[in-house]
């Protein structure tokens, strides 16, 4: 009976873990530049005294879905989206360089170019700081051109360039803060082939229908494992009663 109970218990707990991953994806279905997490079930043998005689499924997050989200036009000059492959380099809260696809930007009172989460955007030589300006243009290659205060309408000066990178998908992984970093901890070099589209934002790549169907299937699997545990308990009680009669 303990084997059936163990299988039901482990199945229910791992199903709850998978449900957590699906719920997190669904909660970020409208988050700009979000990359959904993958949940896979891996067969694991149970080791103990003697040979491994039981196998149960363990849920693990095998990485992220790197498919592109839809481009949404905003008309805001400070909104940019990656065209095709690539990432925008930012400075994370811990001071390390990280990468994101969320291109909703703003300029602080100190002239810092920030993402929607308030993270500094990296340029050629560190975080980008802009002087007071009347107009800002972001080129396809990430070039930042400004018309400073008091200058004529035709005077645009190139100040910096947003650091755009394009590492292999296998070389980056999502951290707990939702940003991507290189697996080896190194800093990625800038790639001049990555292009931006100004006035657009990339939406989340979460498929709401697939996420909902997955959650429904996981709920049914959880209920099935609970029923297995209840059946094992009833069988154990029945066996105890039979032993009492003898």
C-alpha atoms as a PDB file:
ATOM      1  CA  UNK A   1       0.000   0.000   0.000  1.00  0.00           C
ATOM      2  CA  UNK A   2       2.875   2.341   0.757  1.00  0.00           C
ATOM      3  CA  UNK A   3       3.998   2.184  -2.886  1.00  0.00           C
ATOM      4  CA  UNK A   4       0.618   3.329  -4.202  1.00  0.00           C
ATOM      5  CA  UNK A   5       0.452   6.045  -1.556  1.00  0.00           C
ATOM      6  CA  UNK A   6       3.966   7.210  -2.419  1.00  0.00           C
ATOM      7  CA  UNK A   7       3.198   7.361  -6.134  1.00  0.00           C
ATOM      8  CA  UNK A   8       0.008   9.359  -5.511  1.00  0.00           C
ATOM      9  CA  UNK A   9       1.745  11.728  -3.102  1.00  0.00           C
ATOM     10  CA  UNK A  10       4.716  12.399  -5.376  1.00  0.00           C
ATOM     11  CA  UNK A  11       2.446  12.814  -8.406  1.00  0.00           C
ATOM     12  CA  UNK A  12       0.250  15.364  -6.614  1.00  0.00           C
ATOM     13  CA  UNK A  13       3.207  17.402  -5.349  1.00  0.00           C
ATOM     14  CA  UNK A  14       4.927  17.496  -8.751  1.00  0.00           C
ATOM     15  CA  UNK A  15       1.650  18.429 -10.439  1.00  0.00           C
ATOM     16  CA  UNK A  16       1.376  21.391  -8.078  1.00  0.00           C
ATOM     17  CA  UNK A  17       4.870  22.502  -9.108  1.00  0.00           C
ATOM     18  CA  UNK A  18       3.904  22.332 -12.774  1.00  0.00           C
ATOM     19  CA  UNK A  19       0.711  24.233 -12.006  1.00  0.00           C
ATOM     20  CA  UNK A  20       2.793  26.995 -10.398  1.00  0.00           C
ATOM     21  CA  UNK A  21       4.865  27.401 -13.573  1.00  0.00           C
ATOM     22  CA  UNK A  22       1.746  27.556 -15.762  1.00  0.00           C
ATOM     23  CA  UNK A  23       0.078  30.045 -13.414  1.00  0.00           C
ATOM     24  CA  UNK A  24       3.175  32.276 -13.519  1.00  0.00           C
ATOM     25  CA  UNK A  25       3.113  32.243 -17.314  1.00  0.00           C
ATOM     26  CA  UNK A  26      -0.579  33.071 -17.408  1.00  0.00           C
ATOM     27  CA  UNK A  27      -0.105  35.936 -14.949  1.00  0.00           C
ATOM     28  CA  UNK A  28       2.460  37.456 -17.361  1.00  0.00           C
ATOM     29  CA  UNK A  29       0.368  37.079 -20.508  1.00  0.00           C
ATOM     30  CA  UNK A  30       0.331  40.893 -20.883  1.00  0.00           C
ATOM     31  CA  UNK A  31       3.867  41.608 -19.634  1.00  0.00           C
ATOM     32  CA  UNK A  32       6.019  43.379 -22.217  1.00  0.00           C
ATOM     33  CA  UNK A  33       8.766  41.165 -23.628  1.00  0.00           C
ATOM     34  CA  UNK A  34       7.973  38.247 -21.316  1.00  0.00           C
ATOM     35  CA  UNK A  35       9.368  34.806 -22.197  1.00  0.00           C
ATOM     36  CA  UNK A  36       7.268  31.916 -20.879  1.00  0.00           C
ATOM     37  CA  UNK A  37       8.843  29.173 -18.765  1.00  0.00           C
ATOM     38  CA  UNK A  38       8.733  25.533 -19.829  1.00  0.00           C
ATOM     39  CA  UNK A  39       7.643  22.735 -17.483  1.00  0.00           C
ATOM     40  CA  UNK A  40       8.711  19.161 -18.246  1.00  0.00           C
ATOM     41  CA  UNK A  41       8.096  15.887 -16.428  1.00  0.00           C
ATOM     42  CA  UNK A  42      11.189  13.698 -16.013  1.00  0.00           C
ATOM     43  CA  UNK A  43      11.039  10.027 -14.964  1.00  0.00           C
ATOM     44  CA  UNK A  44      13.089   9.507 -11.793  1.00  0.00           C
ATOM     45  CA  UNK A  45      13.889   6.203 -10.093  1.00  0.00           C
ATOM     46  CA  UNK A  46      13.514   5.904  -6.341  1.00  0.00           C
ATOM     47  CA  UNK A  47      16.681   4.661  -4.679  1.00  0.00           C
ATOM     48  CA  UNK A  48      16.802   3.064  -1.250  1.00  0.00           C
ATOM     49  CA  UNK A  49      17.593  -0.288   0.302  1.00  0.00           C
ATOM     50  CA  UNK A  50      17.927  -2.753  -2.547  1.00  0.00           C
ATOM     51  CA  UNK A  51      17.233  -2.131  -6.199  1.00  0.00           C
ATOM     52  CA  UNK A  52      15.174   0.868  -7.378  1.00  0.00           C
ATOM     53  CA  UNK A  53      11.698  -0.584  -7.892  1.00  0.00           C
ATOM     54  CA  UNK A  54       9.633   2.571  -8.182  1.00  0.00           C
ATOM     55  CA  UNK A  55       9.621   5.386 -10.717  1.00  0.00           C
ATOM     56  CA  UNK A  56       7.875   8.707 -10.375  1.00  0.00           C
ATOM     57  CA  UNK A  57       7.687  11.863 -12.493  1.00  0.00           C
ATOM     58  CA  UNK A  58       9.529  14.974 -11.325  1.00  0.00           C
ATOM     59  CA  UNK A  59       8.553  18.372 -12.690  1.00  0.00           C
ATOM     60  CA  UNK A  60      11.387  20.698 -13.625  1.00  0.00           C
ATOM     61  CA  UNK A  61      11.680  23.932 -15.554  1.00  0.00           C
ATOM     62  CA  UNK A  62      13.867  23.088 -18.530  1.00  0.00           C
ATOM     63  CA  UNK A  63      14.285  26.683 -19.650  1.00  0.00           C
ATOM     64  CA  UNK A  64      12.319  29.368 -21.435  1.00  0.00           C
ATOM     65  CA  UNK A  65      10.378  29.616 -24.659  1.00  0.00           C
ATOM     66  CA  UNK A  66      12.381  31.951 -26.909  1.00  0.00           C
ATOM     67  CA  UNK A  67       9.703  32.419 -29.557  1.00  0.00           C
ATOM     68  CA  UNK A  68       8.873  36.025 -30.365  1.00  0.00           C
ATOM     69  CA  UNK A  69       5.856  37.868 -29.028  1.00  0.00           C
ATOM     70  CA  UNK A  70       3.618  40.077 -31.200  1.00  0.00           C
ATOM     71  CA  UNK A  71       4.701  43.652 -31.944  1.00  0.00           C
ATOM     72  CA  UNK A  72       2.293  46.289 -30.680  1.00  0.00           C
ATOM     73  CA  UNK A  73       2.418  49.834 -32.050  1.00  0.00           C
ATOM     74  CA  UNK A  74       2.407  52.543 -29.367  1.00  0.00           C
ATOM     75  CA  UNK A  75       3.590  55.646 -31.222  1.00  0.00           C
ATOM     76  CA  UNK A  76       5.849  56.540 -28.279  1.00  0.00           C
ATOM     77  CA  UNK A  77       9.348  57.578 -29.383  1.00  0.00           C
ATOM     78  CA  UNK A  78      10.855  55.950 -26.287  1.00  0.00           C
ATOM     79  CA  UNK A  79       9.264  52.559 -26.967  1.00  0.00           C
ATOM     80  CA  UNK A  80      11.404  50.125 -28.931  1.00  0.00           C
ATOM     81  CA  UNK A  81      11.112  46.480 -29.911  1.00  0.00           C
ATOM     82  CA  UNK A  82      13.761  44.056 -31.088  1.00  0.00           C
ATOM     83  CA  UNK A  83      13.302  43.125 -34.735  1.00  0.00           C
ATOM     84  CA  UNK A  84      14.048  39.409 -34.889  1.00  0.00           C
ATOM     85  CA  UNK A  85      16.717  37.962 -32.624  1.00  0.00           C
ATOM     86  CA  UNK A  86      18.581  39.910 -29.955  1.00  0.00           C
ATOM     87  CA  UNK A  87      18.396  41.508 -26.513  1.00  0.00           C
ATOM     88  CA  UNK A  88      18.706  44.921 -24.876  1.00  0.00           C
ATOM     89  CA  UNK A  89      21.479  45.138 -22.281  1.00  0.00           C
ATOM     90  CA  UNK A  90      20.548  46.666 -18.915  1.00  0.00           C
ATOM     91  CA  UNK A  91      22.157  47.028 -15.516  1.00  0.00           C
ATOM     92  CA  UNK A  92      20.356  44.844 -12.982  1.00  0.00           C
ATOM     93  CA  UNK A  93      19.747  45.857  -9.384  1.00  0.00           C
ATOM     94  CA  UNK A  94      22.753  43.813  -8.253  1.00  0.00           C
ATOM     95  CA  UNK A  95      24.995  45.789 -10.626  1.00  0.00           C
ATOM     96  CA  UNK A  96      25.505  42.991 -13.140  1.00  0.00           C
ATOM     97  CA  UNK A  97      24.713  43.217 -16.834  1.00  0.00           C
ATOM     98  CA  UNK A  98      21.510  41.469 -17.851  1.00  0.00           C
ATOM     99  CA  UNK A  99      19.335  41.257 -20.947  1.00  0.00           C
ATOM    100  CA  UNK A 100      15.693  41.930 -21.680  1.00  0.00           C
ATOM    101  CA  UNK A 101      13.252  42.245 -24.578  1.00  0.00           C
ATOM    102  CA  UNK A 102      11.097  44.820 -22.766  1.00  0.00           C
ATOM    103  CA  UNK A 103      11.753  48.078 -24.606  1.00  0.00           C
ATOM    104  CA  UNK A 104       9.486  50.489 -22.726  1.00  0.00           C
ATOM    105  CA  UNK A 105      11.887  53.283 -21.788  1.00  0.00           C
ATOM    106  CA  UNK A 106      11.860  56.593 -19.969  1.00  0.00           C
ATOM    107  CA  UNK A 107      14.301  59.331 -19.029  1.00  0.00           C
ATOM    108  CA  UNK A 108      14.804  60.183 -15.353  1.00  0.00           C
ATOM    109  CA  UNK A 109      15.264  63.704 -13.975  1.00  0.00           C
ATOM    110  CA  UNK A 110      19.002  63.058 -13.972  1.00  0.00           C
ATOM    111  CA  UNK A 111      18.959  62.143 -17.664  1.00  0.00           C
ATOM    112  CA  UNK A 112      19.315  58.390 -17.139  1.00  0.00           C
ATOM    113  CA  UNK A 113      17.740  56.206 -19.805  1.00  0.00           C
ATOM    114  CA  UNK A 114      15.710  53.603 -17.888  1.00  0.00           C
ATOM    115  CA  UNK A 115      13.547  50.627 -18.708  1.00  0.00           C
ATOM    116  CA  UNK A 116       9.946  50.365 -17.558  1.00  0.00           C
ATOM    117  CA  UNK A 117      11.228  48.594 -14.416  1.00  0.00           C
ATOM    118  CA  UNK A 118      13.601  51.468 -13.637  1.00  0.00           C
ATOM    119  CA  UNK A 119      16.789  49.669 -14.720  1.00  0.00           C
ATOM    120  CA  UNK A 120      19.551  51.680 -16.454  1.00  0.00           C
ATOM    121  CA  UNK A 121      19.982  50.903 -20.143  1.00  0.00           C
ATOM    122  CA  UNK A 122      23.556  50.076 -21.121  1.00  0.00           C
ATOM    123  CA  UNK A 123      25.434  51.991 -23.816  1.00  0.00           C
ATOM    124  CA  UNK A 124      28.904  51.854 -25.329  1.00  0.00           C
ATOM    125  CA  UNK A 125      30.656  52.570 -22.035  1.00  0.00           C
ATOM    126  CA  UNK A 126      28.108  51.877 -19.316  1.00  0.00           C
ATOM    127  CA  UNK A 127      24.666  53.176 -18.339  1.00  0.00           C
ATOM    128  CA  UNK A 128      23.354  55.829 -20.721  1.00  0.00           C
ATOM    129  CA  UNK A 129      22.984  59.398 -19.385  1.00  0.00           C
ATOM    130  CA  UNK A 130      21.496  62.061 -21.659  1.00  0.00           C
ATOM    131  CA  UNK A 131      21.816  65.864 -21.447  1.00  0.00           C
ATOM    132  CA  UNK A 132      18.693  68.067 -21.380  1.00  0.00           C
ATOM    133  CA  UNK A 133      17.089  67.765 -24.806  1.00  0.00           C
ATOM    134  CA  UNK A 134      14.095  68.844 -26.832  1.00  0.00           C
ATOM    135  CA  UNK A 135      13.885  65.725 -28.984  1.00  0.00           C
ATOM    136  CA  UNK A 136      15.255  62.188 -28.820  1.00  0.00           C
ATOM    137  CA  UNK A 137      15.462  59.723 -31.702  1.00  0.00           C
ATOM    138  CA  UNK A 138      16.404  56.056 -31.463  1.00  0.00           C
ATOM    139  CA  UNK A 139      17.807  54.563 -34.648  1.00  0.00           C
ATOM    140  CA  UNK A 140      17.398  51.026 -35.912  1.00  0.00           C
ATOM    141  CA  UNK A 141      20.902  50.184 -34.707  1.00  0.00           C
ATOM    142  CA  UNK A 142      20.234  51.649 -31.241  1.00  0.00           C
ATOM    143  CA  UNK A 143      21.907  54.997 -31.970  1.00  0.00           C
ATOM    144  CA  UNK A 144      20.638  57.798 -29.710  1.00  0.00           C
ATOM    145  CA  UNK A 145      20.382  61.198 -31.389  1.00  0.00           C
ATOM    146  CA  UNK A 146      19.199  64.280 -29.479  1.00  0.00           C
ATOM    147  CA  UNK A 147      18.469  67.906 -30.202  1.00  0.00           C
ATOM    148  CA  UNK A 148      19.749  69.724 -27.177  1.00  0.00           C
ATOM    149  CA  UNK A 149      17.957  72.686 -25.639  1.00  0.00           C
ATOM    150  CA  UNK A 150      18.353  75.868 -27.658  1.00  0.00           C
ATOM    151  CA  UNK A 151      19.555  74.138 -30.833  1.00  0.00           C
ATOM    152  CA  UNK A 152      17.919  74.498 -34.221  1.00  0.00           C
ATOM    153  CA  UNK A 153      15.423  71.897 -35.474  1.00  0.00           C
ATOM    154  CA  UNK A 154      17.961  70.433 -37.913  1.00  0.00           C
ATOM    155  CA  UNK A 155      20.746  69.988 -35.356  1.00  0.00           C
ATOM    156  CA  UNK A 156      20.749  66.396 -34.097  1.00  0.00           C
ATOM    157  CA  UNK A 157      23.793  65.103 -32.229  1.00  0.00           C
ATOM    158  CA  UNK A 158      24.636  61.413 -31.823  1.00  0.00           C
ATOM    159  CA  UNK A 159      25.438  60.831 -28.140  1.00  0.00           C
ATOM    160  CA  UNK A 160      25.497  57.098 -27.521  1.00  0.00           C
ATOM    161  CA  UNK A 161      24.206  53.762 -28.677  1.00  0.00           C
ATOM    162  CA  UNK A 162      22.074  51.222 -26.862  1.00  0.00           C
ATOM    163  CA  UNK A 163      24.013  48.027 -26.324  1.00  0.00           C
ATOM    164  CA  UNK A 164      22.285  45.279 -28.307  1.00  0.00           C
ATOM    165  CA  UNK A 165      23.451  41.683 -28.018  1.00  0.00           C
ATOM    166  CA  UNK A 166      22.553  38.407 -29.679  1.00  0.00           C
ATOM    167  CA  UNK A 167      23.846  35.402 -27.705  1.00  0.00           C
ATOM    168  CA  UNK A 168      22.840  31.836 -28.503  1.00  0.00           C
ATOM    169  CA  UNK A 169      19.670  30.759 -26.713  1.00  0.00           C
ATOM    170  CA  UNK A 170      21.563  27.920 -25.049  1.00  0.00           C
ATOM    171  CA  UNK A 171      24.037  30.423 -23.558  1.00  0.00           C
ATOM    172  CA  UNK A 172      21.466  32.444 -21.574  1.00  0.00           C
ATOM    173  CA  UNK A 173      18.993  31.583 -18.864  1.00  0.00           C
ATOM    174  CA  UNK A 174      16.314  33.452 -16.938  1.00  0.00           C
ATOM    175  CA  UNK A 175      17.193  34.579 -13.420  1.00  0.00           C
ATOM    176  CA  UNK A 176      14.861  35.000 -10.455  1.00  0.00           C
ATOM    177  CA  UNK A 177      14.404  38.705 -11.294  1.00  0.00           C
ATOM    178  CA  UNK A 178      12.997  37.830 -14.733  1.00  0.00           C
ATOM    179  CA  UNK A 179      16.083  39.083 -16.591  1.00  0.00           C
ATOM    180  CA  UNK A 180      18.315  36.891 -18.738  1.00  0.00           C
ATOM    181  CA  UNK A 181      22.035  36.404 -18.131  1.00  0.00           C
ATOM    182  CA  UNK A 182      24.779  34.332 -19.669  1.00  0.00           C
ATOM    183  CA  UNK A 183      25.041  30.884 -18.127  1.00  0.00           C
ATOM    184  CA  UNK A 184      28.801  31.268 -17.673  1.00  0.00           C
ATOM    185  CA  UNK A 185      28.424  34.644 -15.952  1.00  0.00           C
ATOM    186  CA  UNK A 186      30.373  36.485 -18.643  1.00  0.00           C
ATOM    187  CA  UNK A 187      29.329  39.710 -20.389  1.00  0.00           C
ATOM    188  CA  UNK A 188      28.073  39.438 -23.954  1.00  0.00           C
ATOM    189  CA  UNK A 189      29.685  41.596 -26.630  1.00  0.00           C
ATOM    190  CA  UNK A 190      27.578  44.025 -28.646  1.00  0.00           C
ATOM    191  CA  UNK A 191      26.204  42.819 -31.982  1.00  0.00           C
ATOM    192  CA  UNK A 192      25.787  45.415 -34.723  1.00  0.00           C
ATOM    193  CA  UNK A 193      23.328  43.244 -36.644  1.00  0.00           C
ATOM    194  CA  UNK A 194      20.561  43.502 -34.014  1.00  0.00           C
ATOM    195  CA  UNK A 195      17.902  46.006 -35.049  1.00  0.00           C
ATOM    196  CA  UNK A 196      15.268  47.998 -33.175  1.00  0.00           C
ATOM    197  CA  UNK A 197      11.836  49.219 -34.254  1.00  0.00           C
ATOM    198  CA  UNK A 198      10.920  52.534 -32.662  1.00  0.00           C
ATOM    199  CA  UNK A 199       7.339  53.219 -31.594  1.00  0.00           C
ATOM    200  CA  UNK A 200       6.602  49.524 -30.936  1.00  0.00           C
ATOM    201  CA  UNK A 201       6.697  47.144 -27.980  1.00  0.00           C
ATOM    202  CA  UNK A 202       6.961  43.378 -28.050  1.00  0.00           C
ATOM    203  CA  UNK A 203       4.185  41.605 -26.198  1.00  0.00           C
ATOM    204  CA  UNK A 204       4.404  38.439 -24.149  1.00  0.00           C
ATOM    205  CA  UNK A 205       4.871  35.161 -26.028  1.00  0.00           C
ATOM    206  CA  UNK A 206       2.471  33.337 -23.676  1.00  0.00           C
ATOM    207  CA  UNK A 207      -0.359  31.574 -25.528  1.00  0.00           C
ATOM    208  CA  UNK A 208      -3.324  32.110 -23.207  1.00  0.00           C
ATOM    209  CA  UNK A 209      -5.364  29.236 -24.669  1.00  0.00           C
ATOM    210  CA  UNK A 210      -2.503  26.736 -24.333  1.00  0.00           C
ATOM    211  CA  UNK A 211      -1.776  27.922 -20.799  1.00  0.00           C
ATOM    212  CA  UNK A 212      -5.416  27.520 -19.762  1.00  0.00           C
ATOM    213  CA  UNK A 213      -5.675  24.045 -21.320  1.00  0.00           C
ATOM    214  CA  UNK A 214      -2.463  23.034 -19.572  1.00  0.00           C
ATOM    215  CA  UNK A 215      -3.802  24.206 -16.212  1.00  0.00           C
ATOM    216  CA  UNK A 216      -7.030  22.254 -16.724  1.00  0.00           C
ATOM    217  CA  UNK A 217      -5.096  19.074 -17.546  1.00  0.00           C
ATOM    218  CA  UNK A 218      -2.891  19.539 -14.504  1.00  0.00           C
ATOM    219  CA  UNK A 219      -5.931  20.011 -12.300  1.00  0.00           C
ATOM    220  CA  UNK A 220      -7.353  16.715 -13.525  1.00  0.00           C
ATOM    221  CA  UNK A 221      -4.020  14.996 -12.947  1.00  0.00           C
ATOM    222  CA  UNK A 222      -3.891  16.369  -9.408  1.00  0.00           C
ATOM    223  CA  UNK A 223      -7.398  15.077  -8.667  1.00  0.00           C
ATOM    224  CA  UNK A 224      -6.464  11.653 -10.042  1.00  0.00           C
ATOM    225  CA  UNK A 225      -3.447  11.440  -7.726  1.00  0.00           C
ATOM    226  CA  UNK A 226      -5.561  12.481  -4.738  1.00  0.00           C
ATOM    227  CA  UNK A 227      -8.050   9.717  -5.568  1.00  0.00           C
ATOM    228  CA  UNK A 228      -5.169   7.236  -5.749  1.00  0.00           C
ATOM    229  CA  UNK A 229      -4.065   8.284  -2.260  1.00  0.00           C
ATOM    230  CA  UNK A 230      -7.618   7.916  -0.963  1.00  0.00           C
ATOM    231  CA  UNK A 231      -7.910   4.446  -2.531  1.00  0.00           C
ATOM    232  CA  UNK A 232      -4.629   3.384  -0.917  1.00  0.00           C
ATOM    233  CA  UNK A 233      -5.930   4.603   2.443  1.00  0.00           C
ATOM    234  CA  UNK A 234      -9.201   2.679   2.079  1.00  0.00           C
ATOM    235  CA  UNK A 235      -7.330  -0.485   1.076  1.00  0.00           C
ATOM    236  CA  UNK A 236      -5.062  -0.124   4.085  1.00  0.00           C
ATOM    237  CA  UNK A 237      -8.054   0.248   6.406  1.00  0.00           C
ATOM    238  CA  UNK A 238      -9.734  -2.789   4.853  1.00  0.00           C
ATOM    239  CA  UNK A 239      -6.575  -4.855   5.352  1.00  0.00           C
ATOM    240  CA  UNK A 240      -6.394  -3.773   8.987  1.00  0.00           C
ATOM    241  CA  UNK A 241      -9.991  -4.874   9.575  1.00  0.00           C
ATOM    242  CA  UNK A 242      -9.317  -8.287   8.026  1.00  0.00           C
ATOM    243  CA  UNK A 243      -6.320  -8.775  10.304  1.00  0.00           C
ATOM    244  CA  UNK A 244      -8.438  -7.880  13.349  1.00  0.00           C
ATOM    245  CA  UNK A 245     -11.011 -10.569  12.419  1.00  0.00           C
ATOM    246  CA  UNK A 246      -8.311 -13.212  12.284  1.00  0.00           C
END
